[in-house]
């Protein structure tokens, strides 16, 4: 073993180290590296310096489409830097840009922009049928404000109950929007005639009221109605409107043809919740031909609604209470 090691050492001592060769190889490698680096640097400088200088246009306040078009015309690019809510600036409008307008940059520069998301929007709740205090609390929960409050006499709503609102329910508005309401002032004093709610009642009831009030009514017929013949399905003016002898009163009555054979009917029955206050109840029939409102009005706690529609006229019935869908029934 010792002889082998001695032999290897002897061979290594006999091989001459050629320092000149190593120096040449190192010099050649360094030259190639420097040449490559300088060539790359020169190429990049040539490309960059061949780009023209452009002035960044002012795109603040412009829509996304116009901003992108303006940047493209100046050979600049766009990058979205974020979105922010802003009540005073429409949605998809440029709020800020970087670099700022007027800055001199090279062609191809990327301009970072922040877009407006508009004001934070909410849906207006349905206040009809609620006491004024409850309506105001409901608005606060939705981050809305109670606007002007006016009164109007009513035959159907308790004093202080919301009759009308503006904006209407389910409209999208910005936060802190004011919602104006009309509330019931209770029954009218003697000498003031209010239009009753004749919907879903018989035409004979309307004739009796008109005779005692000294008013004239005009009857219109609707042959496509779902309701039994002689049922009042619409009226103008609406309930609780002040009417006089000069008022034009139109009642739309179902003129649905009477079949020789008994027609199958579907009964729509609903009982308002027993507790609380009056509620705004709306019932809609849904079919392939579209939705049709079959009831809309305020009802006292525990009051019952009983309607009939012919089978085949609807696929399902939807019941809304204070604007909220509470029940959906198939018609079968």
C-alpha atoms as a PDB file:
ATOM      1  CA  UNK A   1       0.000   0.000   0.000  1.00  0.00           C
ATOM      2  CA  UNK A   2       2.812   2.354   0.855  1.00  0.00           C
ATOM      3  CA  UNK A   3       4.433   1.615  -2.475  1.00  0.00           C
ATOM      4  CA  UNK A   4       1.242   2.631  -4.322  1.00  0.00           C
ATOM      5  CA  UNK A   5       1.045   5.956  -2.502  1.00  0.00           C
ATOM      6  CA  UNK A   6       4.701   6.682  -3.166  1.00  0.00           C
ATOM      7  CA  UNK A   7       4.198   5.891  -6.835  1.00  0.00           C
ATOM      8  CA  UNK A   8       1.257   8.355  -7.127  1.00  0.00           C
ATOM      9  CA  UNK A   9       3.218  11.111  -5.446  1.00  0.00           C
ATOM     10  CA  UNK A  10       6.118  10.515  -7.775  1.00  0.00           C
ATOM     11  CA  UNK A  11       3.871  10.769 -10.843  1.00  0.00           C
ATOM     12  CA  UNK A  12       2.384  14.031  -9.534  1.00  0.00           C
ATOM     13  CA  UNK A  13       5.829  15.479  -8.955  1.00  0.00           C
ATOM     14  CA  UNK A  14       6.848  14.529 -12.475  1.00  0.00           C
ATOM     15  CA  UNK A  15       3.861  16.402 -14.134  1.00  0.00           C
ATOM     16  CA  UNK A  16       4.873  20.019 -14.789  1.00  0.00           C
ATOM     17  CA  UNK A  17       2.337  22.817 -13.971  1.00  0.00           C
ATOM     18  CA  UNK A  18       1.840  24.969 -17.074  1.00  0.00           C
ATOM     19  CA  UNK A  19       0.952  28.353 -15.611  1.00  0.00           C
ATOM     20  CA  UNK A  20       1.112  30.067 -18.984  1.00  0.00           C
ATOM     21  CA  UNK A  21      -1.638  27.817 -20.387  1.00  0.00           C
ATOM     22  CA  UNK A  22      -3.898  28.460 -17.415  1.00  0.00           C
ATOM     23  CA  UNK A  23      -3.390  32.212 -17.783  1.00  0.00           C
ATOM     24  CA  UNK A  24      -4.365  32.095 -21.452  1.00  0.00           C
ATOM     25  CA  UNK A  25      -7.578  30.155 -20.716  1.00  0.00           C
ATOM     26  CA  UNK A  26      -8.527  32.590 -17.940  1.00  0.00           C
ATOM     27  CA  UNK A  27      -7.885  35.605 -20.147  1.00  0.00           C
ATOM     28  CA  UNK A  28      -9.997  34.148 -22.942  1.00  0.00           C
ATOM     29  CA  UNK A  29     -12.909  33.443 -20.566  1.00  0.00           C
ATOM     30  CA  UNK A  30     -12.764  36.957 -19.138  1.00  0.00           C
ATOM     31  CA  UNK A  31     -12.710  38.430 -22.632  1.00  0.00           C
ATOM     32  CA  UNK A  32     -15.762  36.437 -23.713  1.00  0.00           C
ATOM     33  CA  UNK A  33     -17.639  37.493 -20.531  1.00  0.00           C
ATOM     34  CA  UNK A  34     -16.816  41.180 -21.019  1.00  0.00           C
ATOM     35  CA  UNK A  35     -17.755  41.031 -24.694  1.00  0.00           C
ATOM     36  CA  UNK A  36     -21.116  39.424 -23.878  1.00  0.00           C
ATOM     37  CA  UNK A  37     -21.868  41.928 -21.103  1.00  0.00           C
ATOM     38  CA  UNK A  38     -20.969  44.930 -23.237  1.00  0.00           C
ATOM     39  CA  UNK A  39     -22.968  43.623 -26.184  1.00  0.00           C
ATOM     40  CA  UNK A  40     -26.061  43.086 -24.014  1.00  0.00           C
ATOM     41  CA  UNK A  41     -25.676  46.485 -22.367  1.00  0.00           C
ATOM     42  CA  UNK A  42     -25.225  48.215 -25.706  1.00  0.00           C
ATOM     43  CA  UNK A  43     -28.298  46.448 -27.139  1.00  0.00           C
ATOM     44  CA  UNK A  44     -30.502  47.433 -24.192  1.00  0.00           C
ATOM     45  CA  UNK A  45     -29.297  51.025 -24.273  1.00  0.00           C
ATOM     46  CA  UNK A  46     -29.987  51.173 -27.998  1.00  0.00           C
ATOM     47  CA  UNK A  47     -33.529  49.837 -27.555  1.00  0.00           C
ATOM     48  CA  UNK A  48     -34.278  52.171 -24.653  1.00  0.00           C
ATOM     49  CA  UNK A  49     -32.837  55.259 -26.271  1.00  0.00           C
ATOM     50  CA  UNK A  50     -34.752  54.564 -29.452  1.00  0.00           C
ATOM     51  CA  UNK A  51     -38.018  54.897 -27.486  1.00  0.00           C
ATOM     52  CA  UNK A  52     -39.515  58.339 -27.668  1.00  0.00           C
ATOM     53  CA  UNK A  53     -40.212  60.518 -24.687  1.00  0.00           C
ATOM     54  CA  UNK A  54     -43.944  61.052 -24.078  1.00  0.00           C
ATOM     55  CA  UNK A  55     -45.871  63.144 -21.587  1.00  0.00           C
ATOM     56  CA  UNK A  56     -48.301  61.237 -19.363  1.00  0.00           C
ATOM     57  CA  UNK A  57     -51.833  62.453 -20.175  1.00  0.00           C
ATOM     58  CA  UNK A  58     -54.319  63.440 -17.492  1.00  0.00           C
ATOM     59  CA  UNK A  59     -56.764  60.519 -17.199  1.00  0.00           C
ATOM     60  CA  UNK A  60     -58.176  61.437 -13.781  1.00  0.00           C
ATOM     61  CA  UNK A  61     -61.970  61.643 -13.933  1.00  0.00           C
ATOM     62  CA  UNK A  62     -62.177  59.678 -17.176  1.00  0.00           C
ATOM     63  CA  UNK A  63     -63.992  56.385 -17.660  1.00  0.00           C
ATOM     64  CA  UNK A  64     -61.995  53.179 -17.908  1.00  0.00           C
ATOM     65  CA  UNK A  65     -62.598  52.973 -21.660  1.00  0.00           C
ATOM     66  CA  UNK A  66     -61.563  56.578 -22.374  1.00  0.00           C
ATOM     67  CA  UNK A  67     -58.555  56.336 -20.060  1.00  0.00           C
ATOM     68  CA  UNK A  68     -57.282  53.185 -21.756  1.00  0.00           C
ATOM     69  CA  UNK A  69     -57.799  54.718 -25.196  1.00  0.00           C
ATOM     70  CA  UNK A  70     -55.911  57.896 -24.228  1.00  0.00           C
ATOM     71  CA  UNK A  71     -52.980  55.906 -22.836  1.00  0.00           C
ATOM     72  CA  UNK A  72     -52.852  53.680 -25.921  1.00  0.00           C
ATOM     73  CA  UNK A  73     -52.723  56.723 -28.204  1.00  0.00           C
ATOM     74  CA  UNK A  74     -49.581  57.782 -26.330  1.00  0.00           C
ATOM     75  CA  UNK A  75     -48.042  54.276 -26.448  1.00  0.00           C
ATOM     76  CA  UNK A  76     -48.487  53.797 -22.717  1.00  0.00           C
ATOM     77  CA  UNK A  77     -49.893  50.830 -20.806  1.00  0.00           C
ATOM     78  CA  UNK A  78     -52.308  50.597 -17.881  1.00  0.00           C
ATOM     79  CA  UNK A  79     -52.216  48.593 -14.671  1.00  0.00           C
ATOM     80  CA  UNK A  80     -55.123  48.571 -12.184  1.00  0.00           C
ATOM     81  CA  UNK A  81     -53.819  49.550  -8.768  1.00  0.00           C
ATOM     82  CA  UNK A  82     -57.102  49.064  -6.881  1.00  0.00           C
ATOM     83  CA  UNK A  83     -60.649  50.242  -6.315  1.00  0.00           C
ATOM     84  CA  UNK A  84     -62.105  52.693  -3.790  1.00  0.00           C
ATOM     85  CA  UNK A  85     -65.622  53.796  -2.823  1.00  0.00           C
ATOM     86  CA  UNK A  86     -66.314  57.442  -3.612  1.00  0.00           C
ATOM     87  CA  UNK A  87     -69.762  59.024  -3.365  1.00  0.00           C
ATOM     88  CA  UNK A  88     -68.963  61.876  -5.743  1.00  0.00           C
ATOM     89  CA  UNK A  89     -67.282  59.925  -8.545  1.00  0.00           C
ATOM     90  CA  UNK A  90     -69.186  57.535 -10.834  1.00  0.00           C
ATOM     91  CA  UNK A  91     -68.271  53.879 -10.853  1.00  0.00           C
ATOM     92  CA  UNK A  92     -65.386  52.796 -13.190  1.00  0.00           C
ATOM     93  CA  UNK A  93     -63.933  56.336 -13.225  1.00  0.00           C
ATOM     94  CA  UNK A  94     -60.206  57.006 -12.623  1.00  0.00           C
ATOM     95  CA  UNK A  95     -59.581  58.445  -9.157  1.00  0.00           C
ATOM     96  CA  UNK A  96     -55.754  58.575  -9.195  1.00  0.00           C
ATOM     97  CA  UNK A  97     -52.854  57.793 -11.490  1.00  0.00           C
ATOM     98  CA  UNK A  98     -49.114  57.213 -11.146  1.00  0.00           C
ATOM     99  CA  UNK A  99     -46.962  58.687 -12.624  1.00  0.00           C
ATOM    100  CA  UNK A 100     -48.899  61.931 -12.419  1.00  0.00           C
ATOM    101  CA  UNK A 101     -50.185  63.800 -15.454  1.00  0.00           C
ATOM    102  CA  UNK A 102     -47.492  65.915 -17.148  1.00  0.00           C
ATOM    103  CA  UNK A 103     -44.621  63.571 -16.216  1.00  0.00           C
ATOM    104  CA  UNK A 104     -42.187  62.775 -19.042  1.00  0.00           C
ATOM    105  CA  UNK A 105     -41.657  59.018 -19.510  1.00  0.00           C
ATOM    106  CA  UNK A 106     -40.524  56.616 -22.209  1.00  0.00           C
ATOM    107  CA  UNK A 107     -42.970  54.898 -24.535  1.00  0.00           C
ATOM    108  CA  UNK A 108     -44.295  51.659 -23.083  1.00  0.00           C
ATOM    109  CA  UNK A 109     -44.341  52.964 -19.512  1.00  0.00           C
ATOM    110  CA  UNK A 110     -46.999  51.337 -17.319  1.00  0.00           C
ATOM    111  CA  UNK A 111     -49.382  53.812 -15.685  1.00  0.00           C
ATOM    112  CA  UNK A 112     -50.975  52.598 -12.445  1.00  0.00           C
ATOM    113  CA  UNK A 113     -54.572  53.737 -11.885  1.00  0.00           C
ATOM    114  CA  UNK A 114     -57.105  53.481  -9.047  1.00  0.00           C
ATOM    115  CA  UNK A 115     -60.784  53.272 -10.067  1.00  0.00           C
ATOM    116  CA  UNK A 116     -63.875  54.458  -8.256  1.00  0.00           C
ATOM    117  CA  UNK A 117     -66.495  51.940  -7.151  1.00  0.00           C
ATOM    118  CA  UNK A 118     -69.014  54.738  -6.760  1.00  0.00           C
ATOM    119  CA  UNK A 119     -70.931  55.254  -3.548  1.00  0.00           C
ATOM    120  CA  UNK A 120     -71.651  52.278  -1.331  1.00  0.00           C
ATOM    121  CA  UNK A 121     -75.191  51.337  -2.323  1.00  0.00           C
ATOM    122  CA  UNK A 122     -78.006  49.714  -0.358  1.00  0.00           C
ATOM    123  CA  UNK A 123     -81.549  48.661  -1.187  1.00  0.00           C
ATOM    124  CA  UNK A 124     -84.406  50.757   0.175  1.00  0.00           C
ATOM    125  CA  UNK A 125     -86.527  48.605   2.520  1.00  0.00           C
ATOM    126  CA  UNK A 126     -90.305  48.366   2.289  1.00  0.00           C
ATOM    127  CA  UNK A 127     -91.699  50.676   4.979  1.00  0.00           C
ATOM    128  CA  UNK A 128     -95.375  50.508   3.999  1.00  0.00           C
ATOM    129  CA  UNK A 129     -97.504  49.261   6.862  1.00  0.00           C
ATOM    130  CA  UNK A 130     -94.901  50.004   9.551  1.00  0.00           C
ATOM    131  CA  UNK A 131     -95.380  52.533  12.360  1.00  0.00           C
ATOM    132  CA  UNK A 132     -93.235  55.617  11.790  1.00  0.00           C
ATOM    133  CA  UNK A 133     -90.858  54.818  14.671  1.00  0.00           C
ATOM    134  CA  UNK A 134     -90.272  51.283  13.400  1.00  0.00           C
ATOM    135  CA  UNK A 135     -89.738  52.610   9.876  1.00  0.00           C
ATOM    136  CA  UNK A 136     -87.066  55.042  11.103  1.00  0.00           C
ATOM    137  CA  UNK A 137     -85.233  52.278  12.993  1.00  0.00           C
ATOM    138  CA  UNK A 138     -85.418  50.074   9.906  1.00  0.00           C
ATOM    139  CA  UNK A 139     -83.851  52.830   7.806  1.00  0.00           C
ATOM    140  CA  UNK A 140     -81.019  53.299  10.304  1.00  0.00           C
ATOM    141  CA  UNK A 141     -80.257  49.597  10.149  1.00  0.00           C
ATOM    142  CA  UNK A 142     -79.829  49.981   6.386  1.00  0.00           C
ATOM    143  CA  UNK A 143     -77.672  53.115   6.903  1.00  0.00           C
ATOM    144  CA  UNK A 144     -80.395  55.332   5.439  1.00  0.00           C
ATOM    145  CA  UNK A 145     -82.050  58.466   6.857  1.00  0.00           C
ATOM    146  CA  UNK A 146     -85.666  59.449   7.407  1.00  0.00           C
ATOM    147  CA  UNK A 147     -86.542  62.424   5.215  1.00  0.00           C
ATOM    148  CA  UNK A 148     -89.696  64.517   5.183  1.00  0.00           C
ATOM    149  CA  UNK A 149     -92.785  63.141   6.932  1.00  0.00           C
ATOM    150  CA  UNK A 150     -96.269  64.200   5.812  1.00  0.00           C
ATOM    151  CA  UNK A 151     -99.736  63.008   6.781  1.00  0.00           C
ATOM    152  CA  UNK A 152    -102.750  61.859   4.840  1.00  0.00           C
ATOM    153  CA  UNK A 153    -106.145  60.614   6.016  1.00  0.00           C
ATOM    154  CA  UNK A 154    -106.738  56.904   5.607  1.00  0.00           C
ATOM    155  CA  UNK A 155    -109.645  54.470   5.880  1.00  0.00           C
ATOM    156  CA  UNK A 156    -107.411  51.409   5.855  1.00  0.00           C
ATOM    157  CA  UNK A 157    -104.372  52.282   8.023  1.00  0.00           C
ATOM    158  CA  UNK A 158    -103.981  53.114  11.702  1.00  0.00           C
ATOM    159  CA  UNK A 159    -102.774  56.593  12.621  1.00  0.00           C
ATOM    160  CA  UNK A 160     -98.987  56.870  12.261  1.00  0.00           C
ATOM    161  CA  UNK A 161     -98.674  53.967   9.801  1.00  0.00           C
ATOM    162  CA  UNK A 162     -96.564  54.505   6.675  1.00  0.00           C
ATOM    163  CA  UNK A 163     -98.760  54.709   3.564  1.00  0.00           C
ATOM    164  CA  UNK A 164     -96.266  55.798   0.901  1.00  0.00           C
ATOM    165  CA  UNK A 165     -92.511  56.195   0.571  1.00  0.00           C
ATOM    166  CA  UNK A 166     -90.036  57.813  -1.786  1.00  0.00           C
ATOM    167  CA  UNK A 167     -87.765  56.242  -3.081  1.00  0.00           C
ATOM    168  CA  UNK A 168     -89.844  53.122  -3.593  1.00  0.00           C
ATOM    169  CA  UNK A 169     -88.890  49.772  -2.020  1.00  0.00           C
ATOM    170  CA  UNK A 170     -86.017  47.692  -3.425  1.00  0.00           C
ATOM    171  CA  UNK A 171     -84.437  50.585  -5.328  1.00  0.00           C
ATOM    172  CA  UNK A 172     -80.640  50.764  -5.028  1.00  0.00           C
ATOM    173  CA  UNK A 173     -79.418  54.062  -3.512  1.00  0.00           C
ATOM    174  CA  UNK A 174     -76.267  55.360  -1.842  1.00  0.00           C
ATOM    175  CA  UNK A 175     -75.787  55.137   1.887  1.00  0.00           C
ATOM    176  CA  UNK A 176     -77.183  58.049   3.937  1.00  0.00           C
ATOM    177  CA  UNK A 177     -79.883  58.620   1.290  1.00  0.00           C
ATOM    178  CA  UNK A 178     -83.033  60.234   2.723  1.00  0.00           C
ATOM    179  CA  UNK A 179     -86.349  58.396   2.390  1.00  0.00           C
ATOM    180  CA  UNK A 180     -89.508  60.527   2.625  1.00  0.00           C
ATOM    181  CA  UNK A 181     -92.755  58.995   3.864  1.00  0.00           C
ATOM    182  CA  UNK A 182     -96.478  59.721   4.066  1.00  0.00           C
ATOM    183  CA  UNK A 183     -98.128  58.404   7.226  1.00  0.00           C
ATOM    184  CA  UNK A 184    -101.759  57.887   8.114  1.00  0.00           C
ATOM    185  CA  UNK A 185    -103.539  60.688   9.954  1.00  0.00           C
ATOM    186  CA  UNK A 186    -106.397  58.315  10.770  1.00  0.00           C
ATOM    187  CA  UNK A 187    -110.006  58.534   9.615  1.00  0.00           C
ATOM    188  CA  UNK A 188    -111.018  61.756   7.843  1.00  0.00           C
ATOM    189  CA  UNK A 189    -113.287  64.315   9.487  1.00  0.00           C
ATOM    190  CA  UNK A 190    -116.895  64.734   8.397  1.00  0.00           C
ATOM    191  CA  UNK A 191    -117.278  66.216   4.937  1.00  0.00           C
ATOM    192  CA  UNK A 192    -114.184  64.572   3.411  1.00  0.00           C
ATOM    193  CA  UNK A 193    -114.770  61.541   1.167  1.00  0.00           C
ATOM    194  CA  UNK A 194    -111.929  59.060   0.755  1.00  0.00           C
ATOM    195  CA  UNK A 195    -111.839  56.405  -1.929  1.00  0.00           C
ATOM    196  CA  UNK A 196    -112.324  52.990  -0.290  1.00  0.00           C
ATOM    197  CA  UNK A 197    -110.356  49.912  -1.314  1.00  0.00           C
ATOM    198  CA  UNK A 198    -112.789  48.034  -3.546  1.00  0.00           C
ATOM    199  CA  UNK A 199    -110.293  45.520  -4.920  1.00  0.00           C
ATOM    200  CA  UNK A 200    -111.469  41.888  -4.559  1.00  0.00           C
ATOM    201  CA  UNK A 201    -114.989  43.116  -3.762  1.00  0.00           C
ATOM    202  CA  UNK A 202    -118.136  42.986  -5.845  1.00  0.00           C
ATOM    203  CA  UNK A 203    -119.266  45.825  -8.092  1.00  0.00           C
ATOM    204  CA  UNK A 204    -122.526  46.054  -6.104  1.00  0.00           C
ATOM    205  CA  UNK A 205    -120.511  47.274  -3.081  1.00  0.00           C
ATOM    206  CA  UNK A 206    -119.059  50.110  -5.154  1.00  0.00           C
ATOM    207  CA  UNK A 207    -122.476  51.097  -6.513  1.00  0.00           C
ATOM    208  CA  UNK A 208    -123.911  51.259  -2.971  1.00  0.00           C
ATOM    209  CA  UNK A 209    -121.046  53.481  -1.781  1.00  0.00           C
ATOM    210  CA  UNK A 210    -121.367  55.804  -4.787  1.00  0.00           C
ATOM    211  CA  UNK A 211    -125.098  56.208  -4.215  1.00  0.00           C
ATOM    212  CA  UNK A 212    -124.704  57.224  -0.548  1.00  0.00           C
ATOM    213  CA  UNK A 213    -121.775  59.552  -1.356  1.00  0.00           C
ATOM    214  CA  UNK A 214    -123.438  61.220  -4.338  1.00  0.00           C
ATOM    215  CA  UNK A 215    -120.624  60.162  -6.684  1.00  0.00           C
ATOM    216  CA  UNK A 216    -120.536  58.631 -10.145  1.00  0.00           C
ATOM    217  CA  UNK A 217    -118.427  55.612 -11.088  1.00  0.00           C
ATOM    218  CA  UNK A 218    -117.364  54.281 -14.466  1.00  0.00           C
ATOM    219  CA  UNK A 219    -117.081  50.499 -14.952  1.00  0.00           C
ATOM    220  CA  UNK A 220    -114.406  48.964 -17.222  1.00  0.00           C
ATOM    221  CA  UNK A 221    -114.383  45.243 -18.018  1.00  0.00           C
ATOM    222  CA  UNK A 222    -111.448  42.840 -18.243  1.00  0.00           C
ATOM    223  CA  UNK A 223    -112.262  39.547 -19.959  1.00  0.00           C
ATOM    224  CA  UNK A 224    -108.758  38.125 -19.274  1.00  0.00           C
ATOM    225  CA  UNK A 225    -109.071  38.382 -15.490  1.00  0.00           C
ATOM    226  CA  UNK A 226    -108.403  35.347 -13.305  1.00  0.00           C
ATOM    227  CA  UNK A 227    -111.125  36.325 -10.821  1.00  0.00           C
ATOM    228  CA  UNK A 228    -114.798  35.382 -10.831  1.00  0.00           C
ATOM    229  CA  UNK A 229    -117.062  37.498 -12.977  1.00  0.00           C
ATOM    230  CA  UNK A 230    -118.159  40.757 -11.289  1.00  0.00           C
ATOM    231  CA  UNK A 231    -115.079  41.025  -9.004  1.00  0.00           C
ATOM    232  CA  UNK A 232    -113.381  44.448  -8.897  1.00  0.00           C
ATOM    233  CA  UNK A 233    -109.719  43.921  -9.810  1.00  0.00           C
ATOM    234  CA  UNK A 234    -108.450  47.489 -10.104  1.00  0.00           C
ATOM    235  CA  UNK A 235    -109.489  51.049  -9.364  1.00  0.00           C
ATOM    236  CA  UNK A 236    -108.550  54.634 -10.048  1.00  0.00           C
ATOM    237  CA  UNK A 237    -107.963  56.705  -8.032  1.00  0.00           C
ATOM    238  CA  UNK A 238    -106.215  54.424  -5.524  1.00  0.00           C
ATOM    239  CA  UNK A 239    -107.565  53.839  -2.003  1.00  0.00           C
ATOM    240  CA  UNK A 240    -107.523  56.762   0.462  1.00  0.00           C
ATOM    241  CA  UNK A 241    -107.577  59.390  -2.276  1.00  0.00           C
ATOM    242  CA  UNK A 242    -109.858  62.359  -1.546  1.00  0.00           C
ATOM    243  CA  UNK A 243    -112.736  62.316  -4.041  1.00  0.00           C
ATOM    244  CA  UNK A 244    -115.552  64.710  -4.844  1.00  0.00           C
ATOM    245  CA  UNK A 245    -118.410  65.011  -7.319  1.00  0.00           C
ATOM    246  CA  UNK A 246    -115.937  66.253  -9.925  1.00  0.00           C
ATOM    247  CA  UNK A 247    -113.691  63.197  -9.518  1.00  0.00           C
ATOM    248  CA  UNK A 248    -113.539  60.614 -12.276  1.00  0.00           C
ATOM    249  CA  UNK A 249    -113.756  57.177 -10.663  1.00  0.00           C
ATOM    250  CA  UNK A 250    -112.937  54.105 -12.776  1.00  0.00           C
ATOM    251  CA  UNK A 251    -113.374  50.544 -11.558  1.00  0.00           C
ATOM    252  CA  UNK A 252    -112.073  47.582 -13.550  1.00  0.00           C
ATOM    253  CA  UNK A 253    -114.313  44.551 -13.137  1.00  0.00           C
ATOM    254  CA  UNK A 254    -113.658  40.958 -14.127  1.00  0.00           C
ATOM    255  CA  UNK A 255    -115.701  40.008 -17.194  1.00  0.00           C
ATOM    256  CA  UNK A 256    -114.426  36.473 -17.305  1.00  0.00           C
ATOM    257  CA  UNK A 257    -116.780  34.216 -19.245  1.00  0.00           C
ATOM    258  CA  UNK A 258    -118.851  31.766 -17.256  1.00  0.00           C
ATOM    259  CA  UNK A 259    -118.327  28.155 -18.293  1.00  0.00           C
ATOM    260  CA  UNK A 260    -121.326  25.866 -18.693  1.00  0.00           C
ATOM    261  CA  UNK A 261    -119.506  23.281 -16.605  1.00  0.00           C
ATOM    262  CA  UNK A 262    -118.228  23.974 -13.096  1.00  0.00           C
ATOM    263  CA  UNK A 263    -114.625  25.217 -13.292  1.00  0.00           C
ATOM    264  CA  UNK A 264    -111.997  23.912 -10.923  1.00  0.00           C
ATOM    265  CA  UNK A 265    -110.633  26.683  -8.714  1.00  0.00           C
ATOM    266  CA  UNK A 266    -107.635  27.058  -6.460  1.00  0.00           C
ATOM    267  CA  UNK A 267    -108.207  28.793  -3.133  1.00  0.00           C
ATOM    268  CA  UNK A 268    -105.523  31.177  -1.915  1.00  0.00           C
ATOM    269  CA  UNK A 269    -105.888  31.580   1.827  1.00  0.00           C
ATOM    270  CA  UNK A 270    -103.549  33.535   4.047  1.00  0.00           C
ATOM    271  CA  UNK A 271    -103.834  34.789   7.624  1.00  0.00           C
ATOM    272  CA  UNK A 272    -101.781  37.800   8.702  1.00  0.00           C
ATOM    273  CA  UNK A 273     -99.624  37.287  11.818  1.00  0.00           C
ATOM    274  CA  UNK A 274    -101.637  37.689  15.017  1.00  0.00           C
ATOM    275  CA  UNK A 275     -99.213  39.995  16.825  1.00  0.00           C
ATOM    276  CA  UNK A 276     -97.791  43.400  15.982  1.00  0.00           C
ATOM    277  CA  UNK A 277     -99.251  46.013  13.671  1.00  0.00           C
ATOM    278  CA  UNK A 278    -100.819  46.243  10.252  1.00  0.00           C
ATOM    279  CA  UNK A 279     -98.812  44.640   7.494  1.00  0.00           C
ATOM    280  CA  UNK A 280     -98.526  45.283   3.796  1.00  0.00           C
ATOM    281  CA  UNK A 281     -99.488  42.024   2.072  1.00  0.00           C
ATOM    282  CA  UNK A 282     -98.972  41.343  -1.595  1.00  0.00           C
ATOM    283  CA  UNK A 283     -99.908  38.100  -3.375  1.00  0.00           C
ATOM    284  CA  UNK A 284     -98.636  37.296  -6.879  1.00  0.00           C
ATOM    285  CA  UNK A 285     -99.510  34.435  -9.228  1.00  0.00           C
ATOM    286  CA  UNK A 286     -96.588  33.095 -11.268  1.00  0.00           C
ATOM    287  CA  UNK A 287     -97.020  31.395 -14.639  1.00  0.00           C
ATOM    288  CA  UNK A 288     -95.121  30.931 -17.880  1.00  0.00           C
ATOM    289  CA  UNK A 289     -96.878  33.979 -19.303  1.00  0.00           C
ATOM    290  CA  UNK A 290     -95.563  36.160 -16.469  1.00  0.00           C
ATOM    291  CA  UNK A 291     -96.378  37.365 -12.962  1.00  0.00           C
ATOM    292  CA  UNK A 292     -99.789  38.820 -12.106  1.00  0.00           C
ATOM    293  CA  UNK A 293    -100.633  40.617  -8.886  1.00  0.00           C
ATOM    294  CA  UNK A 294    -103.842  39.273  -7.354  1.00  0.00           C
ATOM    295  CA  UNK A 295    -103.779  41.107  -4.020  1.00  0.00           C
ATOM    296  CA  UNK A 296    -102.071  44.213  -2.633  1.00  0.00           C
ATOM    297  CA  UNK A 297    -103.073  45.982   0.551  1.00  0.00           C
ATOM    298  CA  UNK A 298    -102.680  46.607   4.282  1.00  0.00           C
ATOM    299  CA  UNK A 299    -104.225  44.111   6.664  1.00  0.00           C
ATOM    300  CA  UNK A 300    -104.723  44.095  10.435  1.00  0.00           C
ATOM    301  CA  UNK A 301    -103.055  41.427  12.628  1.00  0.00           C
ATOM    302  CA  UNK A 302    -104.928  38.149  12.378  1.00  0.00           C
ATOM    303  CA  UNK A 303    -107.045  39.219   9.389  1.00  0.00           C
ATOM    304  CA  UNK A 304    -107.701  36.615   6.708  1.00  0.00           C
ATOM    305  CA  UNK A 305    -107.399  36.793   2.935  1.00  0.00           C
ATOM    306  CA  UNK A 306    -109.400  34.325   0.843  1.00  0.00           C
ATOM    307  CA  UNK A 307    -109.094  34.427  -2.945  1.00  0.00           C
ATOM    308  CA  UNK A 308    -109.850  32.003  -5.765  1.00  0.00           C
ATOM    309  CA  UNK A 309    -108.158  31.606  -9.122  1.00  0.00           C
ATOM    310  CA  UNK A 310    -108.847  28.986 -11.807  1.00  0.00           C
ATOM    311  CA  UNK A 311    -106.584  25.948 -12.029  1.00  0.00           C
ATOM    312  CA  UNK A 312    -104.120  26.230 -14.883  1.00  0.00           C
ATOM    313  CA  UNK A 313    -103.883  30.013 -14.584  1.00  0.00           C
ATOM    314  CA  UNK A 314    -100.761  29.856 -12.394  1.00  0.00           C
ATOM    315  CA  UNK A 315     -97.908  27.505 -11.566  1.00  0.00           C
ATOM    316  CA  UNK A 316     -97.331  28.883  -8.081  1.00  0.00           C
ATOM    317  CA  UNK A 317     -98.343  31.599  -5.664  1.00  0.00           C
ATOM    318  CA  UNK A 318     -95.932  33.943  -3.882  1.00  0.00           C
ATOM    319  CA  UNK A 319     -96.890  35.830  -0.718  1.00  0.00           C
ATOM    320  CA  UNK A 320     -94.973  38.936   0.340  1.00  0.00           C
ATOM    321  CA  UNK A 321     -95.308  40.607   3.751  1.00  0.00           C
ATOM    322  CA  UNK A 322     -93.792  44.096   4.022  1.00  0.00           C
ATOM    323  CA  UNK A 323     -91.875  43.426   0.830  1.00  0.00           C
ATOM    324  CA  UNK A 324     -90.352  40.133   2.036  1.00  0.00           C
ATOM    325  CA  UNK A 325     -91.200  36.820   0.380  1.00  0.00           C
ATOM    326  CA  UNK A 326     -92.591  34.681   3.232  1.00  0.00           C
ATOM    327  CA  UNK A 327     -94.218  31.839   1.347  1.00  0.00           C
ATOM    328  CA  UNK A 328     -94.303  30.175  -2.057  1.00  0.00           C
ATOM    329  CA  UNK A 329     -96.967  27.586  -2.856  1.00  0.00           C
ATOM    330  CA  UNK A 330     -97.317  25.358  -5.920  1.00  0.00           C
ATOM    331  CA  UNK A 331    -100.769  25.451  -7.497  1.00  0.00           C
ATOM    332  CA  UNK A 332    -101.857  21.841  -7.513  1.00  0.00           C
END
